[in-house]
Amino acid sequence: MSVTVLGQIEQAEAEAEQIVRDAQLQAREMIKSVEEAGVHQAREAQKALGEEAQRRLEEARVLIGDEIKSLELRRAAEREAMRERARARVQDAGRSVFERIVADGHR
């Protein structure tokens, strides 16, 4: 009977060792699965961040483009105003030059 009990103990130990090995294998597979999920999630997050950054850059480009157009229009208006002021002074300058010539001619 001791042989039978000893055999049962050995069989129970073997089964326990197999259970431990199976549990270790399952744990490794779970860790591997979690790591893969983490890598996948990190890639997705990085992709989403890249897309968000690209969207914000595009918005900034549009805003800057609008600002540049606004500045160009303002400067064009300023240049036109300066031209108009210069045109208005051309007649005064011509008259002044003519008056000096005439005044110097009588000496």
Protein backbone atom coordinates (compact mmCIF):
# COMPACT_ATOMS: atom_id res chain seq x y z
CA MET A 1 0.00 0.00 0.00
CA SER A 2 2.86 2.40 0.63
CA VAL A 3 3.88 1.94 -2.98
CA THR A 4 0.43 2.95 -4.11
CA VAL A 5 0.37 5.98 -1.82
CA LEU A 6 3.89 6.92 -2.92
CA GLY A 7 2.82 6.59 -6.55
CA GLN A 8 -0.19 8.78 -5.91
CA ILE A 9 2.04 11.38 -4.26
CA GLU A 10 4.45 11.30 -7.19
CA GLN A 11 1.55 11.57 -9.62
CA ALA A 12 0.09 14.50 -7.64
CA GLU A 13 3.51 16.21 -7.64
CA ALA A 14 3.82 15.67 -11.39
CA GLU A 15 0.34 17.12 -11.90
CA ALA A 16 1.22 20.08 -9.66
CA GLU A 17 4.41 20.71 -11.63
CA GLN A 18 2.39 20.56 -14.87
CA ILE A 19 -0.13 23.01 -13.41
CA VAL A 20 2.74 25.36 -12.45
CA ARG A 21 4.25 25.06 -15.95
CA ASP A 22 0.86 25.73 -17.56
CA ALA A 23 0.32 28.72 -15.26
CA GLN A 24 3.77 30.08 -16.08
CA LEU A 25 3.09 29.66 -19.81
CA GLN A 26 -0.27 31.39 -19.44
CA ALA A 27 1.37 34.22 -17.47
CA ARG A 28 4.05 34.68 -20.16
CA GLU A 29 1.38 34.69 -22.87
CA MET A 30 -0.68 37.21 -20.91
CA ILE A 31 2.38 39.45 -20.40
CA LYS A 32 3.23 39.18 -24.09
CA SER A 33 -0.35 40.02 -25.03
CA VAL A 34 -0.41 43.01 -22.69
CA GLU A 35 2.94 44.24 -24.05
CA GLU A 36 1.70 43.92 -27.63
CA ALA A 37 -1.49 45.77 -26.72
CA GLY A 38 0.62 48.47 -25.07
CA VAL A 39 2.81 48.84 -28.15
CA HIS A 40 -0.28 48.99 -30.38
CA GLN A 41 -1.91 51.57 -28.13
CA ALA A 42 1.29 53.65 -28.06
CA ARG A 43 1.45 53.57 -31.87
CA GLU A 44 -2.18 54.63 -32.13
CA ALA A 45 -1.63 57.44 -29.63
CA GLN A 46 1.45 58.61 -31.51
CA LYS A 47 -0.47 58.50 -34.77
CA ALA A 48 -3.30 60.52 -33.23
CA LEU A 49 -0.82 63.05 -31.85
CA GLY A 50 0.82 63.36 -35.26
CA GLU A 51 -2.54 63.93 -36.92
CA GLU A 52 -3.46 66.53 -34.30
CA ALA A 53 -0.12 68.30 -34.77
CA GLN A 54 -0.61 68.28 -38.55
CA ARG A 55 -4.13 69.70 -38.15
CA ARG A 56 -2.86 72.48 -35.89
CA LEU A 57 -0.05 73.30 -38.30
CA GLU A 58 -2.53 73.58 -41.13
CA GLU A 59 -4.74 75.87 -39.03
CA ALA A 60 -1.69 78.01 -38.26
CA ARG A 61 -0.78 78.15 -41.95
CA VAL A 62 -4.27 79.35 -42.81
CA LEU A 63 -4.21 81.99 -40.06
CA ILE A 64 -0.76 83.19 -41.08
CA GLY A 65 -1.82 83.28 -44.73
CA ASP A 66 -4.83 85.39 -43.80
CA GLU A 67 -2.64 87.71 -41.75
CA ILE A 68 -0.18 88.08 -44.63
CA LYS A 69 -3.02 88.94 -47.03
CA SER A 70 -4.36 91.47 -44.55
CA LEU A 71 -0.91 93.06 -44.18
CA GLU A 72 -0.46 93.16 -47.96
CA LEU A 73 -3.81 94.89 -48.39
CA ARG A 74 -3.01 97.40 -45.65
CA ARG A 75 0.41 98.16 -47.09
CA ALA A 76 -1.01 98.50 -50.60
CA ALA A 77 -3.54 101.00 -49.25
CA GLU A 78 -0.73 102.89 -47.46
CA ARG A 79 1.35 102.98 -50.66
CA GLU A 80 -1.61 104.26 -52.65
CA ALA A 81 -2.25 106.96 -50.05
CA MET A 82 1.42 108.00 -50.25
CA ARG A 83 1.17 108.15 -54.05
CA GLU A 84 -1.91 110.35 -53.83
CA ARG A 85 -0.18 112.69 -51.37
CA ALA A 86 2.87 112.82 -53.67
CA ARG A 87 0.67 113.58 -56.70
CA ALA A 88 -1.00 116.38 -54.78
CA ARG A 89 2.39 117.89 -53.96
CA VAL A 90 3.69 117.64 -57.55
CA GLN A 91 1.67 120.66 -58.63
CA ASP A 92 2.80 122.64 -55.58
CA ALA A 93 6.41 121.66 -56.26
CA GLY A 94 6.10 122.63 -59.93
CA ARG A 95 4.60 125.98 -59.02
CA SER A 96 7.35 126.59 -56.45
CA VAL A 97 10.08 125.73 -58.98
CA PHE A 98 8.45 127.97 -61.58
CA GLU A 99 8.21 130.84 -59.10
CA ARG A 100 11.90 130.50 -58.19
CA ILE A 101 12.91 130.44 -61.84
CA VAL A 102 10.82 133.47 -62.60
CA ALA A 103 12.07 135.28 -59.50
CA ASP A 104 15.72 134.51 -60.32
CA GLY A 105 15.24 135.54 -63.94
CA HIS A 106 14.45 139.17 -62.98
CA ARG A 107 17.75 139.78 -61.23
